[in-house]
Each structure stands twice: as C-alpha cells, then as structure tokens.
Amino acid sequence: MNDTDAGLSWDYDSSKALVALCESRGCTIAEAALQREMAETGKSSEELLGRMENYFRVMRDAVRQGVALTERSTSGLSGGDAARLHAYASGPSPLLGPHLARAASYGFAVLELNAQFGRIVATPTAGSAGIVPACLLTLEETRGLTEAQAARALFTAAGIGLVIGRRAPFSGAQGGCQAEVGSASAMAAAAIVECEGGTPRQATEAAAFALMNTLGMVCDPIGGYVEVPCVSRNGMFAVHSFLAATMALAGTRCVVPFDDVVIAMRDIGRRMPRALKETSEAGLATTPAGLRYPPQPIAPR
C-alpha cells in the first residue's frame, strides 16, 4: 500500500464493511484507517504516521510522569497508586507475574497525571485515556513494539473508534462509562491483535469481546472528578483489553458481532438513568464515602 491508493474509496461505516474492505485489499485495519485519513485530509502517510508517533511519545511521557507521582491530587482522591502498583510489579513475586500489575499501573498513571493537570492524549476521552497507552507501553516493553509500529497500532484503534462513533457516543454523559472505558478497551484490544499479527477479523472479535463485557457500566464519579472510579477502571480495563485480544488470537469467536455490540451499547446508554451518566447524583458518588467529596460549584461566567 502507498499514497497512490488514496484514489480508491477507503470509507466504511461498520466493522463488517471494514473487514470486507481489508480482506478485499489484503490490508490491515491500520492501513485502511490510514488510507481513509489520507483521502479525507490530503496529507501524506509519512505526515500522518509521524503525528501518531508523536502522540505515542506523549502517551509514553504521561505514563512515566504518572508512575513517578507520589503526591495526592487537589481533591485528595488520587495520586501515588500507579507508583505503588509499579513497585509491586517489580517486587519478588507479583501475582501472575510482573506484566499484569505493570500494565494496570500504566492505566492508573495516565489518569492520575490527568487529575494533576498533566498532558495526556484523549483516546477516545480524557476519562478513558489510560487504556490504549497502557497496552501499547506494555507491548513496547514485552514485545519490542517500535514507535513506527505503535503509530500504526493507533490507526487500528482509530479505525475501531470510527466504527463506534458512527453508531454510539463516546461521552459518559450520554452513554455511561461503557461509552468511555468500553470504547477505549475495544480500541486497545483490536490494536493489540494487529500488533501481534492477527487478522482484521480477529481484531474486531477482540473489540467485540472487550466492549460486550463492559455493557451497562455506569458513570458515577465521586465529587464529579475524573478520579474515582476512573483511575482504577483505566488500569483494570487495560488488562481486560489484553484478555479480549488473547481470546481473539486463540480463535475464540464472539457470538454477537461488533457492530451489534455497539448498537447494544447505544441502546443501554439511552435507557440508563440520567443520574448514572456523569451527574454524580447516584452510584458511588452518593455512598457515605463518596459524599465526603461533594461536587465543586461551577463559578459563574
């Protein structure tokens, strides 16, 4: 594939169409998403891949800065847990080996940095920005993923994100946490599969597993801050993404196609009570512990 392919139609609006496109042209989801972006923006593949490499470097910096944090955030809700997880992963006998805790620590790190006004890359939202970086950094450390490969993995994630965005929201205020963390986990799972040499069909299977198993997750942040339960969810669902990718690479098939899972997510989000969609009016936010951190008033403009 090269820049001359930009003259072809690379548009798609479903994972079914995306897989068919990839299979007919013998390419990956990453390549299809890249070619689509080239056609839409008029930019070269070198420019677009270079931009993605830069995003990956920002993600890596966010993880490293977040893991180094020891102080608590202004709210007092987060800070230092990424460092604790990372230290545990480096200890003598971490449960299930070092990689599980380390991947989780990277998800924690990005959200803890975000809570302290650090620089992150929203993938696809700020509240779910730790999952894709955690997965790619783990692949860099364990599988030798290069920056160039990470850039293509981000296009895989973007290709899956486009499919979601055509049918459902990413916003927790519209769809609950399933729309944020679920979408990010699906994007990361597909990226992992392609990094491991899996097929586009396997990548969408991984995305389906990841998203299907987040359905119904509410958005109930304590005090209205993007910290609890957001920080821990980013760590836990990075691991979830790896498991979804593992299932797909093993040949396990998801009974419900990815496109249908996205529709189900949209339907669940519409039926979900407003109180459980980023309002902090129910769920964890209104537990006795949660009420110790009342939402901050918004200053008048």
C-alpha atoms as a PDB file:
ATOM      1  CA  MET A   1       0.000   0.000   0.000  1.00  0.00           C
ATOM      2  CA  ASN A   2       1.234   3.531  -0.704  1.00  0.00           C
ATOM      3  CA  ASP A   3      -0.002   7.038  -1.264  1.00  0.00           C
ATOM      4  CA  THR A   4      -1.363   6.132  -4.713  1.00  0.00           C
ATOM      5  CA  ASP A   5      -4.059   4.066  -3.014  1.00  0.00           C
ATOM      6  CA  ALA A   6      -5.653   7.290  -1.790  1.00  0.00           C
ATOM      7  CA  GLY A   7      -7.567   7.472  -5.056  1.00  0.00           C
ATOM      8  CA  LEU A   8      -9.596   4.419  -4.083  1.00  0.00           C
ATOM      9  CA  SER A   9     -12.588   4.576  -1.761  1.00  0.00           C
ATOM     10  CA  TRP A  10     -11.493   3.740   1.767  1.00  0.00           C
ATOM     11  CA  ASP A  11     -14.672   4.766   3.546  1.00  0.00           C
ATOM     12  CA  TYR A  12     -16.544   2.379   5.846  1.00  0.00           C
ATOM     13  CA  ASP A  13     -19.295   2.776   8.412  1.00  0.00           C
ATOM     14  CA  SER A  14     -19.301  -0.614  10.151  1.00  0.00           C
ATOM     15  CA  SER A  15     -16.868  -3.276  11.247  1.00  0.00           C
ATOM     16  CA  LYS A  16     -18.417  -5.637   8.712  1.00  0.00           C
ATOM     17  CA  ALA A  17     -17.620  -3.185   5.920  1.00  0.00           C
ATOM     18  CA  LEU A  18     -14.180  -2.528   7.396  1.00  0.00           C
ATOM     19  CA  VAL A  19     -13.245  -6.214   7.499  1.00  0.00           C
ATOM     20  CA  ALA A  20     -14.583  -6.733   3.968  1.00  0.00           C
ATOM     21  CA  LEU A  21     -12.521  -3.760   2.782  1.00  0.00           C
ATOM     22  CA  CYS A  22      -9.386  -5.117   4.429  1.00  0.00           C
ATOM     23  CA  GLU A  23      -9.895  -8.627   3.083  1.00  0.00           C
ATOM     24  CA  SER A  24     -10.582  -7.419  -0.455  1.00  0.00           C
ATOM     25  CA  ARG A  25      -7.434  -5.290  -0.497  1.00  0.00           C
ATOM     26  CA  GLY A  26      -5.217  -7.528   1.588  1.00  0.00           C
ATOM     27  CA  CYS A  27      -4.505  -4.918   4.234  1.00  0.00           C
ATOM     28  CA  THR A  28      -4.792  -4.344   7.953  1.00  0.00           C
ATOM     29  CA  ILE A  29      -7.288  -2.156   9.775  1.00  0.00           C
ATOM     30  CA  ALA A  30      -4.392   0.197  10.475  1.00  0.00           C
ATOM     31  CA  GLU A  31      -3.699   0.573   6.757  1.00  0.00           C
ATOM     32  CA  ALA A  32      -7.367   1.063   5.905  1.00  0.00           C
ATOM     33  CA  ALA A  33      -7.741   3.736   8.594  1.00  0.00           C
ATOM     34  CA  LEU A  34      -4.544   5.433   7.427  1.00  0.00           C
ATOM     35  CA  GLN A  35      -5.659   5.438   3.794  1.00  0.00           C
ATOM     36  CA  ARG A  36      -9.044   6.825   4.792  1.00  0.00           C
ATOM     37  CA  GLU A  37      -7.373   9.643   6.724  1.00  0.00           C
ATOM     38  CA  MET A  38      -5.105  10.405   3.790  1.00  0.00           C
ATOM     39  CA  ALA A  39      -8.087  10.647   1.452  1.00  0.00           C
ATOM     40  CA  GLU A  40     -10.015  12.845   3.882  1.00  0.00           C
ATOM     41  CA  THR A  41      -7.208  15.243   4.822  1.00  0.00           C
ATOM     42  CA  GLY A  42      -4.985  15.216   1.759  1.00  0.00           C
ATOM     43  CA  LYS A  43      -1.969  14.606   3.997  1.00  0.00           C
ATOM     44  CA  SER A  44       0.742  12.065   3.219  1.00  0.00           C
ATOM     45  CA  SER A  45       1.165   8.775   5.050  1.00  0.00           C
ATOM     46  CA  GLU A  46       4.526   9.999   6.368  1.00  0.00           C
ATOM     47  CA  GLU A  47       2.953  13.097   7.890  1.00  0.00           C
ATOM     48  CA  LEU A  48       0.056  11.188   9.455  1.00  0.00           C
ATOM     49  CA  LEU A  49       2.225   8.381  10.813  1.00  0.00           C
ATOM     50  CA  GLY A  50       4.657  10.969  12.161  1.00  0.00           C
ATOM     51  CA  ARG A  51       1.802  12.641  14.013  1.00  0.00           C
ATOM     52  CA  MET A  52       0.769   9.307  15.512  1.00  0.00           C
ATOM     53  CA  GLU A  53       4.350   8.616  16.579  1.00  0.00           C
ATOM     54  CA  ASN A  54       4.301  11.941  18.380  1.00  0.00           C
ATOM     55  CA  TYR A  55       1.034  11.018  20.107  1.00  0.00           C
ATOM     56  CA  PHE A  56       2.644   7.764  21.232  1.00  0.00           C
ATOM     57  CA  ARG A  57       5.597   9.661  22.682  1.00  0.00           C
ATOM     58  CA  VAL A  58       3.178  11.922  24.585  1.00  0.00           C
ATOM     59  CA  MET A  59       1.430   8.791  25.879  1.00  0.00           C
ATOM     60  CA  ARG A  60       4.760   7.315  26.999  1.00  0.00           C
ATOM     61  CA  ASP A  61       5.681  10.540  28.778  1.00  0.00           C
ATOM     62  CA  ALA A  62       2.288  10.607  30.501  1.00  0.00           C
ATOM     63  CA  VAL A  63       2.808   7.075  31.800  1.00  0.00           C
ATOM     64  CA  ARG A  64       6.307   7.839  33.053  1.00  0.00           C
ATOM     65  CA  GLN A  65       5.229  11.047  34.756  1.00  0.00           C
ATOM     66  CA  GLY A  66       2.173   9.420  36.272  1.00  0.00           C
ATOM     67  CA  VAL A  67       4.128   6.475  37.663  1.00  0.00           C
ATOM     68  CA  ALA A  68       6.512   8.930  39.325  1.00  0.00           C
ATOM     69  CA  LEU A  69       3.724  10.825  41.130  1.00  0.00           C
ATOM     70  CA  THR A  70       3.622  10.386  44.886  1.00  0.00           C
ATOM     71  CA  GLU A  71       1.527  13.376  45.978  1.00  0.00           C
ATOM     72  CA  ARG A  72      -2.262  13.372  46.029  1.00  0.00           C
ATOM     73  CA  SER A  73      -4.382  15.399  43.635  1.00  0.00           C
ATOM     74  CA  THR A  74      -6.052  18.623  44.740  1.00  0.00           C
ATOM     75  CA  SER A  75      -9.234  16.715  45.567  1.00  0.00           C
ATOM     76  CA  GLY A  76      -7.319  14.134  47.577  1.00  0.00           C
ATOM     77  CA  LEU A  77      -8.958  11.326  45.627  1.00  0.00           C
ATOM     78  CA  SER A  78      -5.977  10.042  43.652  1.00  0.00           C
ATOM     79  CA  GLY A  79      -2.234  10.036  43.370  1.00  0.00           C
ATOM     80  CA  GLY A  80       0.522   7.558  44.204  1.00  0.00           C
ATOM     81  CA  ASP A  81      -1.337   4.360  43.374  1.00  0.00           C
ATOM     82  CA  ALA A  82       0.339   3.959  39.995  1.00  0.00           C
ATOM     83  CA  ALA A  83       3.677   4.112  41.799  1.00  0.00           C
ATOM     84  CA  ARG A  84       2.520   1.500  44.309  1.00  0.00           C
ATOM     85  CA  LEU A  85       1.363  -0.868  41.581  1.00  0.00           C
ATOM     86  CA  HIS A  86       4.575  -0.381  39.629  1.00  0.00           C
ATOM     87  CA  ALA A  87       6.672  -1.104  42.713  1.00  0.00           C
ATOM     88  CA  TYR A  88       4.635  -4.229  43.410  1.00  0.00           C
ATOM     89  CA  ALA A  89       5.145  -5.384  39.805  1.00  0.00           C
ATOM     90  CA  SER A  90       8.892  -5.039  40.293  1.00  0.00           C
ATOM     91  CA  GLY A  91       8.834  -6.986  43.556  1.00  0.00           C
ATOM     92  CA  PRO A  92       9.968 -10.557  44.206  1.00  0.00           C
ATOM     93  CA  SER A  93       6.708 -12.394  43.451  1.00  0.00           C
ATOM     94  CA  PRO A  94       3.895 -10.316  41.890  1.00  0.00           C
ATOM     95  CA  LEU A  95       0.659 -12.196  41.317  1.00  0.00           C
ATOM     96  CA  LEU A  96       0.546 -13.681  37.776  1.00  0.00           C
ATOM     97  CA  GLY A  97       3.966 -12.217  37.039  1.00  0.00           C
ATOM     98  CA  PRO A  98       5.083  -8.607  36.628  1.00  0.00           C
ATOM     99  CA  HIS A  99       3.237  -7.664  33.457  1.00  0.00           C
ATOM    100  CA  LEU A 100      -0.315  -7.667  34.801  1.00  0.00           C
ATOM    101  CA  ALA A 101       0.369  -5.210  37.621  1.00  0.00           C
ATOM    102  CA  ARG A 102       2.658  -3.119  35.440  1.00  0.00           C
ATOM    103  CA  ALA A 103       0.043  -2.759  32.690  1.00  0.00           C
ATOM    104  CA  ALA A 104      -2.519  -1.755  35.298  1.00  0.00           C
ATOM    105  CA  SER A 105      -0.090   0.764  36.793  1.00  0.00           C
ATOM    106  CA  TYR A 106       0.251   2.442  33.403  1.00  0.00           C
ATOM    107  CA  GLY A 107      -3.505   2.883  33.127  1.00  0.00           C
ATOM    108  CA  PHE A 108      -3.559   4.362  36.625  1.00  0.00           C
ATOM    109  CA  ALA A 109      -0.631   6.627  35.767  1.00  0.00           C
ATOM    110  CA  VAL A 110      -2.282   8.473  32.893  1.00  0.00           C
ATOM    111  CA  LEU A 111      -5.461   9.206  34.838  1.00  0.00           C
ATOM    112  CA  GLU A 112      -3.527  10.273  37.941  1.00  0.00           C
ATOM    113  CA  LEU A 113      -1.497  12.640  35.766  1.00  0.00           C
ATOM    114  CA  ASN A 114      -4.703  13.974  34.221  1.00  0.00           C
ATOM    115  CA  ALA A 115      -6.080  14.662  37.704  1.00  0.00           C
ATOM    116  CA  GLN A 116      -2.992  16.808  38.331  1.00  0.00           C
ATOM    117  CA  PHE A 117      -3.351  18.732  35.065  1.00  0.00           C
ATOM    118  CA  GLY A 118      -0.662  16.863  33.148  1.00  0.00           C
ATOM    119  CA  ARG A 119      -0.581  16.375  29.393  1.00  0.00           C
ATOM    120  CA  ILE A 120      -2.418  13.330  28.056  1.00  0.00           C
ATOM    121  CA  VAL A 121      -3.895  12.087  24.775  1.00  0.00           C
ATOM    122  CA  ALA A 122      -7.656  11.529  24.916  1.00  0.00           C
ATOM    123  CA  THR A 123      -8.250   8.047  23.480  1.00  0.00           C
ATOM    124  CA  PRO A 124     -11.121   8.461  22.925  1.00  0.00           C
ATOM    125  CA  THR A 125     -11.857  10.625  26.015  1.00  0.00           C
ATOM    126  CA  ALA A 126      -9.896  12.041  28.928  1.00  0.00           C
ATOM    127  CA  GLY A 127     -11.713   9.693  31.286  1.00  0.00           C
ATOM    128  CA  SER A 128     -10.523   6.652  29.340  1.00  0.00           C
ATOM    129  CA  ALA A 129      -7.140   7.978  28.223  1.00  0.00           C
ATOM    130  CA  GLY A 130      -5.043   5.442  30.135  1.00  0.00           C
ATOM    131  CA  ILE A 131      -6.128   2.217  28.453  1.00  0.00           C
ATOM    132  CA  VAL A 132      -4.558   2.461  24.992  1.00  0.00           C
ATOM    133  CA  PRO A 133      -1.251   3.890  26.316  1.00  0.00           C
ATOM    134  CA  ALA A 134      -1.067   1.176  28.988  1.00  0.00           C
ATOM    135  CA  CYS A 135      -1.473  -1.521  26.368  1.00  0.00           C
ATOM    136  CA  LEU A 136       0.990  -0.044  23.869  1.00  0.00           C
ATOM    137  CA  LEU A 137       3.644   0.662  26.509  1.00  0.00           C
ATOM    138  CA  THR A 138       3.297  -2.890  27.764  1.00  0.00           C
ATOM    139  CA  LEU A 139       3.769  -4.187  24.208  1.00  0.00           C
ATOM    140  CA  GLU A 140       6.799  -1.939  23.811  1.00  0.00           C
ATOM    141  CA  GLU A 141       8.378  -3.428  26.918  1.00  0.00           C
ATOM    142  CA  THR A 142       7.385  -7.052  26.421  1.00  0.00           C
ATOM    143  CA  ARG A 143       7.221  -7.472  22.630  1.00  0.00           C
ATOM    144  CA  GLY A 144       9.661  -4.852  21.372  1.00  0.00           C
ATOM    145  CA  LEU A 145       6.996  -2.661  19.781  1.00  0.00           C
ATOM    146  CA  THR A 146       8.662   0.232  17.944  1.00  0.00           C
ATOM    147  CA  GLU A 147       7.371   3.786  17.665  1.00  0.00           C
ATOM    148  CA  ALA A 148       6.565   3.166  13.997  1.00  0.00           C
ATOM    149  CA  GLN A 149       4.558   0.073  14.910  1.00  0.00           C
ATOM    150  CA  ALA A 150       2.836   1.954  17.719  1.00  0.00           C
ATOM    151  CA  ALA A 151       1.779   4.632  15.232  1.00  0.00           C
ATOM    152  CA  ARG A 152       0.085   2.002  13.098  1.00  0.00           C
ATOM    153  CA  ALA A 153      -1.488   0.457  16.187  1.00  0.00           C
ATOM    154  CA  LEU A 154      -3.021   3.840  16.943  1.00  0.00           C
ATOM    155  CA  PHE A 155      -4.540   3.806  13.462  1.00  0.00           C
ATOM    156  CA  THR A 156      -6.009   0.386  14.256  1.00  0.00           C
ATOM    157  CA  ALA A 157      -7.536   1.886  17.383  1.00  0.00           C
ATOM    158  CA  ALA A 158      -8.782   4.859  15.365  1.00  0.00           C
ATOM    159  CA  GLY A 159     -10.395   2.556  12.808  1.00  0.00           C
ATOM    160  CA  ILE A 160     -12.364   0.802  15.532  1.00  0.00           C
ATOM    161  CA  GLY A 161     -13.160   4.148  17.151  1.00  0.00           C
ATOM    162  CA  LEU A 162     -14.647   5.391  13.891  1.00  0.00           C
ATOM    163  CA  VAL A 163     -16.979   2.389  13.775  1.00  0.00           C
ATOM    164  CA  ILE A 164     -18.147   3.123  17.319  1.00  0.00           C
ATOM    165  CA  GLY A 165     -18.541   6.834  16.673  1.00  0.00           C
ATOM    166  CA  ARG A 166     -20.769   6.222  13.664  1.00  0.00           C
ATOM    167  CA  ARG A 167     -23.336   4.475  15.866  1.00  0.00           C
ATOM    168  CA  ALA A 168     -22.897   5.467  19.508  1.00  0.00           C
ATOM    169  CA  PRO A 169     -21.482   8.227  21.721  1.00  0.00           C
ATOM    170  CA  PHE A 170     -18.135   8.208  23.499  1.00  0.00           C
ATOM    171  CA  SER A 171     -19.351  10.551  26.211  1.00  0.00           C
ATOM    172  CA  GLY A 172     -20.056   9.261  29.695  1.00  0.00           C
ATOM    173  CA  ALA A 173     -22.707  11.961  29.997  1.00  0.00           C
ATOM    174  CA  GLN A 174     -24.568  10.364  27.091  1.00  0.00           C
ATOM    175  CA  GLY A 175     -23.793   6.682  27.376  1.00  0.00           C
ATOM    176  CA  GLY A 176     -22.296   5.980  30.790  1.00  0.00           C
ATOM    177  CA  CYS A 177     -18.809   4.670  31.434  1.00  0.00           C
ATOM    178  CA  GLN A 178     -19.385   1.846  28.953  1.00  0.00           C
ATOM    179  CA  ALA A 179     -19.129   4.502  26.235  1.00  0.00           C
ATOM    180  CA  GLU A 180     -15.772   5.740  27.520  1.00  0.00           C
ATOM    181  CA  VAL A 181     -13.886   2.849  29.077  1.00  0.00           C
ATOM    182  CA  GLY A 182     -15.703   0.265  26.963  1.00  0.00           C
ATOM    183  CA  SER A 183     -14.828   2.032  23.736  1.00  0.00           C
ATOM    184  CA  ALA A 184     -11.208   2.553  24.765  1.00  0.00           C
ATOM    185  CA  SER A 185     -10.880  -1.092  25.734  1.00  0.00           C
ATOM    186  CA  ALA A 186     -12.304  -2.205  22.387  1.00  0.00           C
ATOM    187  CA  MET A 187      -9.924   0.090  20.527  1.00  0.00           C
ATOM    188  CA  ALA A 188      -6.950  -1.168  22.540  1.00  0.00           C
ATOM    189  CA  ALA A 189      -7.899  -4.836  22.126  1.00  0.00           C
ATOM    190  CA  ALA A 190      -8.055  -4.505  18.350  1.00  0.00           C
ATOM    191  CA  ALA A 191      -4.717  -2.691  18.310  1.00  0.00           C
ATOM    192  CA  ILE A 192      -3.095  -5.449  20.368  1.00  0.00           C
ATOM    193  CA  VAL A 193      -4.364  -8.086  17.938  1.00  0.00           C
ATOM    194  CA  GLU A 194      -2.881  -6.348  14.914  1.00  0.00           C
ATOM    195  CA  CYS A 195       0.384  -5.737  16.756  1.00  0.00           C
ATOM    196  CA  GLU A 196       0.517  -9.493  17.325  1.00  0.00           C
ATOM    197  CA  GLY A 197      -0.053 -10.262  13.652  1.00  0.00           C
ATOM    198  CA  GLY A 198      -3.741 -11.083  13.943  1.00  0.00           C
ATOM    199  CA  THR A 199      -6.208 -10.537  11.123  1.00  0.00           C
ATOM    200  CA  PRO A 200      -8.714  -7.681  10.817  1.00  0.00           C
ATOM    201  CA  ARG A 201     -11.484 -10.167  11.585  1.00  0.00           C
ATOM    202  CA  GLN A 202      -9.705 -11.237  14.772  1.00  0.00           C
ATOM    203  CA  ALA A 203      -9.213  -7.594  15.710  1.00  0.00           C
ATOM    204  CA  THR A 204     -12.949  -6.929  15.501  1.00  0.00           C
ATOM    205  CA  GLU A 205     -13.620 -10.094  17.502  1.00  0.00           C
ATOM    206  CA  ALA A 206     -11.338  -8.731  20.229  1.00  0.00           C
ATOM    207  CA  ALA A 207     -13.129  -5.391  20.109  1.00  0.00           C
ATOM    208  CA  ALA A 208     -16.473  -7.168  20.439  1.00  0.00           C
ATOM    209  CA  PHE A 209     -15.328  -9.143  23.487  1.00  0.00           C
ATOM    210  CA  ALA A 210     -13.895  -6.039  25.136  1.00  0.00           C
ATOM    211  CA  LEU A 211     -16.952  -3.876  24.586  1.00  0.00           C
ATOM    212  CA  MET A 212     -19.515  -6.591  25.277  1.00  0.00           C
ATOM    213  CA  ASN A 213     -18.095  -7.158  28.716  1.00  0.00           C
ATOM    214  CA  THR A 214     -18.357  -3.508  29.720  1.00  0.00           C
ATOM    215  CA  LEU A 215     -22.024  -3.087  28.781  1.00  0.00           C
ATOM    216  CA  GLY A 216     -24.096  -1.421  31.488  1.00  0.00           C
ATOM    217  CA  MET A 217     -21.139   0.231  33.219  1.00  0.00           C
ATOM    218  CA  VAL A 218     -22.363   3.479  34.733  1.00  0.00           C
ATOM    219  CA  CYS A 219     -20.568   6.803  35.048  1.00  0.00           C
ATOM    220  CA  ASP A 220     -20.766   7.792  38.727  1.00  0.00           C
ATOM    221  CA  PRO A 221     -17.620   9.799  39.542  1.00  0.00           C
ATOM    222  CA  ILE A 222     -17.185  10.796  43.157  1.00  0.00           C
ATOM    223  CA  GLY A 223     -17.397  14.559  43.558  1.00  0.00           C
ATOM    224  CA  GLY A 224     -17.664  14.977  39.808  1.00  0.00           C
ATOM    225  CA  TYR A 225     -13.903  14.455  39.482  1.00  0.00           C
ATOM    226  CA  VAL A 226     -12.414  12.190  36.814  1.00  0.00           C
ATOM    227  CA  GLU A 227     -10.666  10.151  39.502  1.00  0.00           C
ATOM    228  CA  VAL A 228     -12.787   7.576  41.350  1.00  0.00           C
ATOM    229  CA  PRO A 229     -13.592   5.101  39.919  1.00  0.00           C
ATOM    230  CA  CYS A 230     -11.983   6.352  36.696  1.00  0.00           C
ATOM    231  CA  VAL A 231      -8.345   5.822  37.695  1.00  0.00           C
ATOM    232  CA  SER A 232      -8.752   2.191  38.712  1.00  0.00           C
ATOM    233  CA  ARG A 233     -11.018   1.423  35.761  1.00  0.00           C
ATOM    234  CA  ASN A 234      -8.320   2.534  33.346  1.00  0.00           C
ATOM    235  CA  GLY A 235      -5.848   0.172  34.980  1.00  0.00           C
ATOM    236  CA  MET A 236      -8.235  -2.755  35.175  1.00  0.00           C
ATOM    237  CA  PHE A 237      -9.559  -2.388  31.649  1.00  0.00           C
ATOM    238  CA  ALA A 238      -6.084  -2.251  30.156  1.00  0.00           C
ATOM    239  CA  VAL A 239      -5.752  -5.813  31.453  1.00  0.00           C
ATOM    240  CA  HIS A 240      -9.254  -6.526  30.133  1.00  0.00           C
ATOM    241  CA  SER A 241      -8.089  -5.444  26.661  1.00  0.00           C
ATOM    242  CA  PHE A 242      -5.217  -7.913  26.734  1.00  0.00           C
ATOM    243  CA  LEU A 243      -7.560 -10.732  27.689  1.00  0.00           C
ATOM    244  CA  ALA A 244     -10.008  -9.832  24.905  1.00  0.00           C
ATOM    245  CA  ALA A 245      -7.122  -9.817  22.417  1.00  0.00           C
ATOM    246  CA  THR A 246      -5.873 -13.152  23.750  1.00  0.00           C
ATOM    247  CA  MET A 247      -9.298 -14.715  23.270  1.00  0.00           C
ATOM    248  CA  ALA A 248      -9.500 -13.498  19.677  1.00  0.00           C
ATOM    249  CA  LEU A 249      -5.947 -14.597  18.839  1.00  0.00           C
ATOM    250  CA  ALA A 250      -6.774 -18.029  20.221  1.00  0.00           C
ATOM    251  CA  GLY A 251      -9.593 -18.303  17.687  1.00  0.00           C
ATOM    252  CA  THR A 252     -12.481 -17.709  20.071  1.00  0.00           C
ATOM    253  CA  ARG A 253     -15.424 -16.140  18.259  1.00  0.00           C
ATOM    254  CA  CYS A 254     -17.801 -13.647  19.815  1.00  0.00           C
ATOM    255  CA  VAL A 255     -21.404 -14.739  19.246  1.00  0.00           C
ATOM    256  CA  VAL A 256     -22.525 -11.114  18.870  1.00  0.00           C
ATOM    257  CA  PRO A 257     -20.754  -9.197  16.049  1.00  0.00           C
ATOM    258  CA  PHE A 258     -19.003  -5.991  16.991  1.00  0.00           C
ATOM    259  CA  ASP A 259     -21.497  -3.791  15.123  1.00  0.00           C
ATOM    260  CA  ASP A 260     -24.354  -5.317  17.127  1.00  0.00           C
ATOM    261  CA  VAL A 261     -22.454  -4.836  20.388  1.00  0.00           C
ATOM    262  CA  VAL A 262     -22.068  -1.140  19.563  1.00  0.00           C
ATOM    263  CA  ILE A 263     -25.809  -0.862  18.900  1.00  0.00           C
ATOM    264  CA  ALA A 264     -26.481  -2.597  22.221  1.00  0.00           C
ATOM    265  CA  MET A 265     -24.202  -0.107  23.975  1.00  0.00           C
ATOM    266  CA  ARG A 266     -26.108   2.778  22.415  1.00  0.00           C
ATOM    267  CA  ASP A 267     -29.447   1.281  23.449  1.00  0.00           C
ATOM    268  CA  ILE A 268     -28.299   0.654  27.022  1.00  0.00           C
ATOM    269  CA  GLY A 269     -26.958   4.206  27.235  1.00  0.00           C
ATOM    270  CA  ARG A 270     -30.292   5.635  26.145  1.00  0.00           C
ATOM    271  CA  ARG A 271     -32.121   3.562  28.758  1.00  0.00           C
ATOM    272  CA  MET A 272     -29.661   4.364  31.534  1.00  0.00           C
ATOM    273  CA  PRO A 273     -30.987   6.844  34.106  1.00  0.00           C
ATOM    274  CA  ARG A 274     -29.561  10.346  33.876  1.00  0.00           C
ATOM    275  CA  ALA A 275     -28.376  10.067  37.484  1.00  0.00           C
ATOM    276  CA  LEU A 276     -25.903   7.399  36.383  1.00  0.00           C
ATOM    277  CA  LYS A 277     -24.433   9.360  33.477  1.00  0.00           C
ATOM    278  CA  GLU A 278     -21.715  11.660  34.838  1.00  0.00           C
ATOM    279  CA  THR A 279     -24.003  13.680  37.104  1.00  0.00           C
ATOM    280  CA  SER A 280     -22.624  12.313  40.399  1.00  0.00           C
ATOM    281  CA  GLU A 281     -26.224  12.002  41.570  1.00  0.00           C
ATOM    282  CA  ALA A 282     -26.165   8.247  42.206  1.00  0.00           C
ATOM    283  CA  GLY A 283     -23.932   5.216  42.492  1.00  0.00           C
ATOM    284  CA  LEU A 284     -20.513   5.568  44.099  1.00  0.00           C
ATOM    285  CA  ALA A 285     -20.894   9.347  44.244  1.00  0.00           C
ATOM    286  CA  THR A 286     -23.741   9.109  46.757  1.00  0.00           C
ATOM    287  CA  THR A 287     -22.286   6.453  49.043  1.00  0.00           C
ATOM    288  CA  PRO A 288     -21.225   7.650  52.515  1.00  0.00           C
ATOM    289  CA  ALA A 289     -17.606   7.655  51.354  1.00  0.00           C
ATOM    290  CA  GLY A 290     -18.482   9.439  48.114  1.00  0.00           C
ATOM    291  CA  LEU A 291     -20.421  12.170  49.862  1.00  0.00           C
ATOM    292  CA  ARG A 292     -17.258  13.222  51.686  1.00  0.00           C
ATOM    293  CA  TYR A 293     -16.215  14.750  48.358  1.00  0.00           C
ATOM    294  CA  PRO A 294     -19.153  16.946  47.299  1.00  0.00           C
ATOM    295  CA  PRO A 295     -19.157  18.276  43.739  1.00  0.00           C
ATOM    296  CA  GLN A 296     -17.468  21.618  43.421  1.00  0.00           C
ATOM    297  CA  PRO A 297     -19.717  24.516  42.389  1.00  0.00           C
ATOM    298  CA  ILE A 298     -19.190  25.923  38.912  1.00  0.00           C
ATOM    299  CA  ALA A 299     -18.134  29.557  39.048  1.00  0.00           C
ATOM    300  CA  PRO A 300     -20.499  31.929  37.191  1.00  0.00           C
ATOM    301  CA  ARG A 301     -19.189  33.370  33.926  1.00  0.00           C
END
